[in-house]
Amino acid sequence: MFRASPHTPVLIFSRVLEEGTARLALQRGAQIGDELLKSIAQRLIACVRSSDTVSRQGGDEFLVLLSEVGRTDIAARSAQKILTAVSAPHRIEKHEVHVTVSIGISVYPQDGGDAETLLKNADTACFAPRARGAAGFSSTTLS
């Protein structure tokens, strides 16, 4: 169920990881891929407040819901904090693993009035950094 008020949510991303997780699992074993996903989840949780929500959507997609955010610039700062944390090398067993992060941001109500629309717009926004061939974040609302 989606409930929103004027001070409520900013959906901070739909896709937050690199395409190489599956390749990593094939090359070095599924356990390494699983450990990488756990490492990313831990970093995401460390970047947000206890009132926010972090969830894995499946594969290498994560979603962060920032609750009670009154200003949209906070979303951009949060995205940058997450980008920095998740992009830092991950030490998995004896391997140093680097990931490329693409973040799409949707802001309620500017980018949609329901969860489905917010997710769709966040997903669309995350393709801009990928199109540039670099890590980053994008939003249709934030400048």
N, C-alpha and C. Protein backbone atom coordinates (compact mmCIF):
# COMPACT_ATOMS: atom_id res chain seq x y z
N MET A 1 0.84 -1.17 0.00
CA MET A 1 0.00 0.00 0.00
C MET A 1 0.89 1.24 0.00
N PHE A 2 0.47 2.23 -0.73
CA PHE A 2 1.23 3.47 -0.84
C PHE A 2 0.43 4.58 -0.19
N ARG A 3 1.03 5.23 0.79
CA ARG A 3 0.43 6.40 1.43
C ARG A 3 1.42 7.53 1.31
N ALA A 4 0.95 8.68 0.95
CA ALA A 4 1.87 9.80 0.82
C ALA A 4 1.21 11.06 1.34
N SER A 5 2.05 11.91 1.87
CA SER A 5 1.61 13.22 2.32
C SER A 5 2.59 14.23 1.75
N PRO A 6 2.33 15.52 1.91
CA PRO A 6 3.26 16.50 1.34
C PRO A 6 4.69 16.38 1.84
N HIS A 7 4.92 15.76 2.97
CA HIS A 7 6.28 15.64 3.51
C HIS A 7 6.86 14.26 3.27
N THR A 8 6.22 13.48 2.46
CA THR A 8 6.63 12.11 2.38
C THR A 8 7.52 11.79 1.22
N PRO A 9 7.36 10.65 0.65
CA PRO A 9 8.51 9.91 0.20
C PRO A 9 9.23 10.40 -1.03
N VAL A 10 10.47 10.07 -1.00
CA VAL A 10 11.31 10.18 -2.17
C VAL A 10 11.80 8.76 -2.44
N LEU A 11 11.51 8.28 -3.62
CA LEU A 11 11.98 6.96 -4.02
C LEU A 11 13.35 7.17 -4.62
N ILE A 12 14.33 6.60 -4.00
CA ILE A 12 15.67 6.96 -4.43
C ILE A 12 16.26 6.04 -5.47
N PHE A 13 15.90 4.88 -5.64
CA PHE A 13 16.30 4.19 -6.85
C PHE A 13 15.62 2.90 -7.07
N SER A 14 15.72 2.55 -8.31
CA SER A 14 15.12 1.32 -8.77
C SER A 14 16.22 0.34 -9.11
N ARG A 15 17.28 0.83 -9.68
CA ARG A 15 18.41 0.00 -10.04
C ARG A 15 19.63 0.62 -9.43
N VAL A 16 20.40 -0.18 -8.75
CA VAL A 16 21.52 0.45 -8.07
C VAL A 16 22.83 -0.30 -8.25
N LEU A 17 22.87 -1.20 -9.15
CA LEU A 17 24.04 -2.03 -9.21
C LEU A 17 24.53 -2.20 -10.62
N GLU A 18 25.58 -2.89 -10.75
CA GLU A 18 26.16 -3.14 -12.05
C GLU A 18 25.58 -4.40 -12.67
N GLU A 19 25.77 -4.48 -13.96
CA GLU A 19 25.29 -5.66 -14.68
C GLU A 19 26.20 -6.86 -14.46
N GLY A 20 27.32 -6.66 -13.82
CA GLY A 20 28.32 -7.72 -13.71
C GLY A 20 28.13 -8.72 -12.59
N THR A 21 27.07 -8.59 -11.78
CA THR A 21 26.88 -9.52 -10.67
C THR A 21 26.73 -10.94 -11.18
N ALA A 22 25.92 -11.12 -12.21
CA ALA A 22 25.73 -12.47 -12.76
C ALA A 22 27.03 -12.98 -13.36
N ARG A 23 27.76 -12.10 -14.05
CA ARG A 23 29.05 -12.49 -14.64
C ARG A 23 30.03 -12.88 -13.54
N LEU A 24 30.06 -12.10 -12.45
CA LEU A 24 30.93 -12.41 -11.32
C LEU A 24 30.59 -13.78 -10.74
N ALA A 25 29.30 -14.06 -10.60
CA ALA A 25 28.87 -15.35 -10.05
C ALA A 25 29.30 -16.49 -10.97
N LEU A 26 29.20 -16.28 -12.27
CA LEU A 26 29.61 -17.33 -13.21
C LEU A 26 31.12 -17.55 -13.17
N GLN A 27 31.89 -16.47 -13.06
CA GLN A 27 33.34 -16.57 -13.08
C GLN A 27 33.92 -17.11 -11.77
N ARG A 28 33.36 -16.67 -10.65
CA ARG A 28 33.97 -16.98 -9.35
C ARG A 28 33.07 -17.76 -8.41
N GLY A 29 31.87 -18.08 -8.85
CA GLY A 29 30.96 -18.86 -8.02
C GLY A 29 29.82 -18.02 -7.46
N ALA A 30 28.68 -18.66 -7.28
CA ALA A 30 27.48 -17.96 -6.80
C ALA A 30 27.67 -17.35 -5.42
N GLN A 31 28.49 -17.98 -4.59
CA GLN A 31 28.69 -17.47 -3.24
C GLN A 31 29.31 -16.07 -3.25
N ILE A 32 30.24 -15.83 -4.17
CA ILE A 32 30.86 -14.49 -4.28
C ILE A 32 29.80 -13.47 -4.66
N GLY A 33 28.95 -13.80 -5.63
CA GLY A 33 27.87 -12.89 -6.03
C GLY A 33 26.93 -12.60 -4.87
N ASP A 34 26.59 -13.63 -4.12
CA ASP A 34 25.71 -13.45 -2.96
C ASP A 34 26.36 -12.56 -1.91
N GLU A 35 27.66 -12.77 -1.65
CA GLU A 35 28.37 -11.94 -0.68
C GLU A 35 28.45 -10.49 -1.13
N LEU A 36 28.60 -10.28 -2.43
CA LEU A 36 28.62 -8.91 -2.95
C LEU A 36 27.27 -8.24 -2.71
N LEU A 37 26.18 -8.93 -2.97
CA LEU A 37 24.85 -8.36 -2.73
C LEU A 37 24.65 -8.02 -1.25
N LYS A 38 25.14 -8.88 -0.38
CA LYS A 38 25.04 -8.60 1.06
C LYS A 38 25.86 -7.37 1.43
N SER A 39 27.05 -7.25 0.86
CA SER A 39 27.91 -6.11 1.14
C SER A 39 27.24 -4.81 0.68
N ILE A 40 26.64 -4.84 -0.49
CA ILE A 40 25.94 -3.66 -1.00
C ILE A 40 24.76 -3.31 -0.09
N ALA A 41 23.98 -4.30 0.30
CA ALA A 41 22.84 -4.06 1.18
C ALA A 41 23.28 -3.42 2.50
N GLN A 42 24.38 -3.91 3.06
CA GLN A 42 24.89 -3.34 4.31
C GLN A 42 25.29 -1.88 4.13
N ARG A 43 25.90 -1.57 3.02
CA ARG A 43 26.30 -0.18 2.77
C ARG A 43 25.09 0.72 2.57
N LEU A 44 24.09 0.20 1.87
CA LEU A 44 22.87 0.99 1.69
C LEU A 44 22.21 1.30 3.02
N ILE A 45 22.10 0.29 3.86
CA ILE A 45 21.48 0.48 5.18
C ILE A 45 22.26 1.50 6.00
N ALA A 46 23.58 1.45 5.89
CA ALA A 46 24.42 2.40 6.64
C ALA A 46 24.25 3.84 6.15
N CYS A 47 23.75 4.03 4.94
CA CYS A 47 23.60 5.36 4.35
C CYS A 47 22.28 6.05 4.67
N VAL A 48 21.33 5.30 5.22
CA VAL A 48 20.00 5.89 5.44
C VAL A 48 19.64 5.89 6.92
N ARG A 49 18.56 6.61 7.21
CA ARG A 49 18.08 6.69 8.59
C ARG A 49 17.25 5.45 8.93
N SER A 50 17.02 5.21 10.20
CA SER A 50 16.22 4.05 10.62
C SER A 50 14.78 4.17 10.16
N SER A 51 14.31 5.36 9.86
CA SER A 51 12.94 5.55 9.38
C SER A 51 12.79 5.30 7.88
N ASP A 52 13.91 5.12 7.16
CA ASP A 52 13.88 4.87 5.72
C ASP A 52 13.82 3.36 5.46
N THR A 53 13.56 3.00 4.22
CA THR A 53 13.41 1.59 3.86
C THR A 53 14.40 1.23 2.77
N VAL A 54 15.08 0.10 2.94
CA VAL A 54 15.96 -0.47 1.91
C VAL A 54 15.44 -1.86 1.60
N SER A 55 15.27 -2.15 0.31
CA SER A 55 14.85 -3.50 -0.06
C SER A 55 15.54 -3.92 -1.34
N ARG A 56 15.74 -5.20 -1.46
CA ARG A 56 16.27 -5.76 -2.70
C ARG A 56 15.08 -6.16 -3.53
N GLN A 57 15.02 -5.65 -4.74
CA GLN A 57 13.89 -5.92 -5.61
C GLN A 57 14.07 -7.23 -6.37
N GLY A 58 15.28 -7.69 -6.46
CA GLY A 58 15.58 -8.91 -7.20
C GLY A 58 16.83 -8.68 -8.03
N GLY A 59 17.52 -9.75 -8.35
CA GLY A 59 18.74 -9.61 -9.13
C GLY A 59 19.68 -8.62 -8.47
N ASP A 60 20.09 -7.62 -9.24
CA ASP A 60 20.99 -6.60 -8.71
C ASP A 60 20.27 -5.26 -8.58
N GLU A 61 18.98 -5.30 -8.31
CA GLU A 61 18.19 -4.09 -8.14
C GLU A 61 17.81 -3.90 -6.67
N PHE A 62 18.03 -2.70 -6.20
CA PHE A 62 17.66 -2.32 -4.84
C PHE A 62 16.77 -1.10 -4.90
N LEU A 63 16.00 -0.92 -3.86
CA LEU A 63 15.13 0.24 -3.76
C LEU A 63 15.32 0.86 -2.39
N VAL A 64 15.42 2.19 -2.36
CA VAL A 64 15.51 2.92 -1.10
C VAL A 64 14.37 3.91 -1.08
N LEU A 65 13.61 3.90 0.00
CA LEU A 65 12.51 4.85 0.18
C LEU A 65 12.87 5.75 1.34
N LEU A 66 13.08 7.02 1.03
CA LEU A 66 13.38 8.00 2.07
C LEU A 66 12.05 8.56 2.56
N SER A 67 11.79 8.41 3.82
CA SER A 67 10.51 8.88 4.36
C SER A 67 10.65 10.29 4.93
N GLU A 68 9.57 11.00 4.89
CA GLU A 68 9.49 12.32 5.51
C GLU A 68 10.62 13.25 5.09
N VAL A 69 10.81 13.33 3.80
CA VAL A 69 11.81 14.24 3.25
C VAL A 69 11.07 15.48 2.78
N GLY A 70 11.38 16.61 3.36
CA GLY A 70 10.68 17.84 3.03
C GLY A 70 11.25 18.58 1.83
N ARG A 71 12.53 18.32 1.49
CA ARG A 71 13.16 19.06 0.40
C ARG A 71 13.79 18.08 -0.59
N THR A 72 13.64 18.37 -1.87
CA THR A 72 14.16 17.46 -2.88
C THR A 72 15.69 17.43 -2.95
N ASP A 73 16.37 18.49 -2.50
CA ASP A 73 17.83 18.48 -2.53
C ASP A 73 18.40 17.40 -1.61
N ILE A 74 17.62 17.00 -0.62
CA ILE A 74 18.06 15.92 0.28
C ILE A 74 18.17 14.61 -0.50
N ALA A 75 17.29 14.41 -1.47
CA ALA A 75 17.35 13.20 -2.30
C ALA A 75 18.66 13.15 -3.08
N ALA A 76 19.06 14.27 -3.66
CA ALA A 76 20.32 14.30 -4.42
C ALA A 76 21.52 14.05 -3.51
N ARG A 77 21.51 14.64 -2.33
CA ARG A 77 22.62 14.40 -1.38
C ARG A 77 22.64 12.94 -0.94
N SER A 78 21.47 12.37 -0.70
CA SER A 78 21.40 10.96 -0.30
C SER A 78 21.90 10.06 -1.42
N ALA A 79 21.51 10.38 -2.65
CA ALA A 79 21.97 9.58 -3.79
C ALA A 79 23.49 9.65 -3.93
N GLN A 80 24.06 10.82 -3.74
CA GLN A 80 25.52 10.96 -3.82
C GLN A 80 26.20 10.16 -2.72
N LYS A 81 25.65 10.21 -1.52
CA LYS A 81 26.21 9.45 -0.40
C LYS A 81 26.17 7.94 -0.70
N ILE A 82 25.06 7.48 -1.23
CA ILE A 82 24.92 6.06 -1.58
C ILE A 82 25.87 5.69 -2.72
N LEU A 83 25.95 6.54 -3.72
CA LEU A 83 26.83 6.30 -4.86
C LEU A 83 28.28 6.13 -4.39
N THR A 84 28.72 7.02 -3.53
CA THR A 84 30.09 6.96 -3.00
C THR A 84 30.31 5.68 -2.20
N ALA A 85 29.37 5.36 -1.33
CA ALA A 85 29.53 4.18 -0.45
C ALA A 85 29.52 2.88 -1.24
N VAL A 86 28.58 2.73 -2.15
CA VAL A 86 28.44 1.47 -2.88
C VAL A 86 29.52 1.32 -3.95
N SER A 87 30.00 2.42 -4.50
CA SER A 87 31.04 2.35 -5.54
C SER A 87 32.42 2.04 -5.00
N ALA A 88 32.64 2.26 -3.71
CA ALA A 88 33.95 1.92 -3.12
C ALA A 88 34.17 0.41 -3.26
N PRO A 89 35.42 -0.01 -3.43
CA PRO A 89 35.69 -1.45 -3.62
C PRO A 89 35.12 -2.30 -2.48
N HIS A 90 34.59 -3.44 -2.86
CA HIS A 90 34.06 -4.42 -1.90
C HIS A 90 35.10 -5.54 -1.77
N ARG A 91 35.44 -5.87 -0.55
CA ARG A 91 36.37 -6.97 -0.29
C ARG A 91 35.54 -8.22 -0.03
N ILE A 92 35.54 -9.13 -0.98
CA ILE A 92 34.77 -10.37 -0.88
C ILE A 92 35.75 -11.52 -0.94
N GLU A 93 35.82 -12.23 0.19
CA GLU A 93 36.84 -13.28 0.36
C GLU A 93 38.20 -12.67 0.04
N LYS A 94 38.90 -13.17 -0.96
CA LYS A 94 40.22 -12.63 -1.28
C LYS A 94 40.17 -11.71 -2.50
N HIS A 95 38.97 -11.33 -2.89
CA HIS A 95 38.80 -10.55 -4.10
C HIS A 95 38.39 -9.11 -3.77
N GLU A 96 38.90 -8.18 -4.55
CA GLU A 96 38.44 -6.81 -4.48
C GLU A 96 37.50 -6.61 -5.67
N VAL A 97 36.25 -6.30 -5.37
CA VAL A 97 35.23 -6.21 -6.40
C VAL A 97 34.77 -4.77 -6.53
N HIS A 98 34.77 -4.29 -7.77
CA HIS A 98 34.31 -2.93 -8.08
C HIS A 98 32.97 -3.02 -8.79
N VAL A 99 32.06 -2.12 -8.46
CA VAL A 99 30.76 -2.10 -9.12
C VAL A 99 30.50 -0.70 -9.69
N THR A 100 29.67 -0.66 -10.70
CA THR A 100 29.23 0.60 -11.28
C THR A 100 27.77 0.77 -10.90
N VAL A 101 27.44 1.91 -10.33
CA VAL A 101 26.11 2.12 -9.77
C VAL A 101 25.32 3.10 -10.64
N SER A 102 24.10 2.73 -10.97
CA SER A 102 23.17 3.62 -11.66
C SER A 102 21.98 3.85 -10.75
N ILE A 103 21.69 5.10 -10.45
CA ILE A 103 20.61 5.43 -9.53
C ILE A 103 19.57 6.29 -10.25
N GLY A 104 18.33 5.90 -10.13
CA GLY A 104 17.22 6.71 -10.63
C GLY A 104 16.42 7.22 -9.45
N ILE A 105 16.05 8.49 -9.48
CA ILE A 105 15.33 9.11 -8.38
C ILE A 105 13.94 9.53 -8.84
N SER A 106 12.94 9.21 -8.05
CA SER A 106 11.59 9.70 -8.24
C SER A 106 11.16 10.41 -6.98
N VAL A 107 10.50 11.54 -7.17
CA VAL A 107 10.05 12.35 -6.04
C VAL A 107 8.53 12.45 -6.10
N TYR A 108 7.89 12.17 -4.97
CA TYR A 108 6.44 12.33 -4.86
C TYR A 108 6.14 13.78 -4.50
N PRO A 109 5.18 14.42 -5.06
CA PRO A 109 4.25 13.99 -6.10
C PRO A 109 4.69 14.38 -7.51
N GLN A 110 5.85 15.05 -7.65
CA GLN A 110 6.29 15.55 -8.95
C GLN A 110 6.43 14.45 -10.00
N ASP A 111 6.94 13.29 -9.59
CA ASP A 111 7.19 12.21 -10.55
C ASP A 111 6.11 11.14 -10.56
N GLY A 112 5.07 11.32 -9.76
CA GLY A 112 3.97 10.36 -9.76
C GLY A 112 3.23 10.37 -8.46
N GLY A 113 1.96 10.02 -8.54
CA GLY A 113 1.10 10.01 -7.36
C GLY A 113 0.87 8.63 -6.80
N ASP A 114 1.47 7.60 -7.40
CA ASP A 114 1.30 6.24 -6.89
C ASP A 114 2.62 5.49 -7.02
N ALA A 115 2.70 4.37 -6.31
CA ALA A 115 3.95 3.62 -6.24
C ALA A 115 4.39 3.10 -7.61
N GLU A 116 3.46 2.62 -8.40
CA GLU A 116 3.81 2.07 -9.71
C GLU A 116 4.46 3.14 -10.61
N THR A 117 3.88 4.33 -10.63
CA THR A 117 4.43 5.41 -11.45
C THR A 117 5.78 5.87 -10.92
N LEU A 118 5.92 5.99 -9.61
CA LEU A 118 7.20 6.38 -9.03
C LEU A 118 8.30 5.36 -9.37
N LEU A 119 7.99 4.07 -9.27
CA LEU A 119 8.96 3.03 -9.62
C LEU A 119 9.34 3.11 -11.09
N LYS A 120 8.35 3.26 -11.95
CA LYS A 120 8.60 3.34 -13.39
C LYS A 120 9.51 4.54 -13.71
N ASN A 121 9.24 5.68 -13.11
CA ASN A 121 10.04 6.87 -13.37
C ASN A 121 11.45 6.76 -12.79
N ALA A 122 11.60 6.14 -11.64
CA ALA A 122 12.93 5.91 -11.07
C ALA A 122 13.72 4.96 -11.97
N ASP A 123 13.06 3.94 -12.46
CA ASP A 123 13.70 2.97 -13.35
C ASP A 123 14.15 3.66 -14.64
N THR A 124 13.30 4.50 -15.20
CA THR A 124 13.65 5.24 -16.41
C THR A 124 14.82 6.18 -16.16
N ALA A 125 14.79 6.88 -15.02
CA ALA A 125 15.85 7.84 -14.70
C ALA A 125 17.20 7.17 -14.53
N CYS A 126 17.23 5.93 -14.09
CA CYS A 126 18.52 5.29 -13.84
C CYS A 126 19.26 4.94 -15.13
N PHE A 127 18.59 5.02 -16.27
CA PHE A 127 19.27 4.71 -17.52
C PHE A 127 20.15 5.86 -18.03
N ALA A 128 19.93 7.08 -17.56
CA ALA A 128 20.75 8.22 -18.00
C ALA A 128 22.23 8.03 -17.65
N PRO A 129 22.57 7.64 -16.41
CA PRO A 129 24.00 7.41 -16.12
C PRO A 129 24.57 6.27 -16.97
N ARG A 130 23.78 5.24 -17.19
CA ARG A 130 24.26 4.11 -17.99
C ARG A 130 24.53 4.55 -19.42
N ALA A 131 23.66 5.40 -19.95
CA ALA A 131 23.84 5.88 -21.33
C ALA A 131 25.14 6.67 -21.46
N ARG A 132 25.55 7.35 -20.39
CA ARG A 132 26.83 8.08 -20.39
C ARG A 132 28.01 7.15 -20.16
N GLY A 133 27.71 5.90 -19.80
CA GLY A 133 28.77 4.93 -19.57
C GLY A 133 29.50 5.10 -18.26
N ALA A 134 28.84 5.73 -17.29
CA ALA A 134 29.50 6.00 -16.02
C ALA A 134 28.53 5.79 -14.86
N ALA A 135 29.09 5.68 -13.68
CA ALA A 135 28.27 5.62 -12.47
C ALA A 135 27.63 6.98 -12.27
N GLY A 136 26.48 7.01 -11.62
CA GLY A 136 25.85 8.28 -11.33
C GLY A 136 24.40 8.12 -10.97
N PHE A 137 23.74 9.28 -10.83
CA PHE A 137 22.32 9.27 -10.55
C PHE A 137 21.63 10.29 -11.42
N SER A 138 20.33 10.07 -11.61
CA SER A 138 19.55 10.94 -12.46
C SER A 138 18.12 10.98 -11.96
N SER A 139 17.45 12.07 -12.30
CA SER A 139 16.04 12.25 -11.96
C SER A 139 15.40 13.10 -13.03
N THR A 140 14.12 12.88 -13.25
CA THR A 140 13.42 13.75 -14.19
C THR A 140 13.02 15.06 -13.51
N THR A 141 13.04 15.09 -12.18
CA THR A 141 12.60 16.27 -11.42
C THR A 141 13.75 17.14 -10.94
N LEU A 142 14.78 16.51 -10.37
CA LEU A 142 15.88 17.27 -9.77
C LEU A 142 16.79 17.81 -10.85
N SER A 143 17.30 19.01 -10.63
CA SER A 143 18.23 19.57 -11.60
C SER A 143 19.64 19.53 -11.09
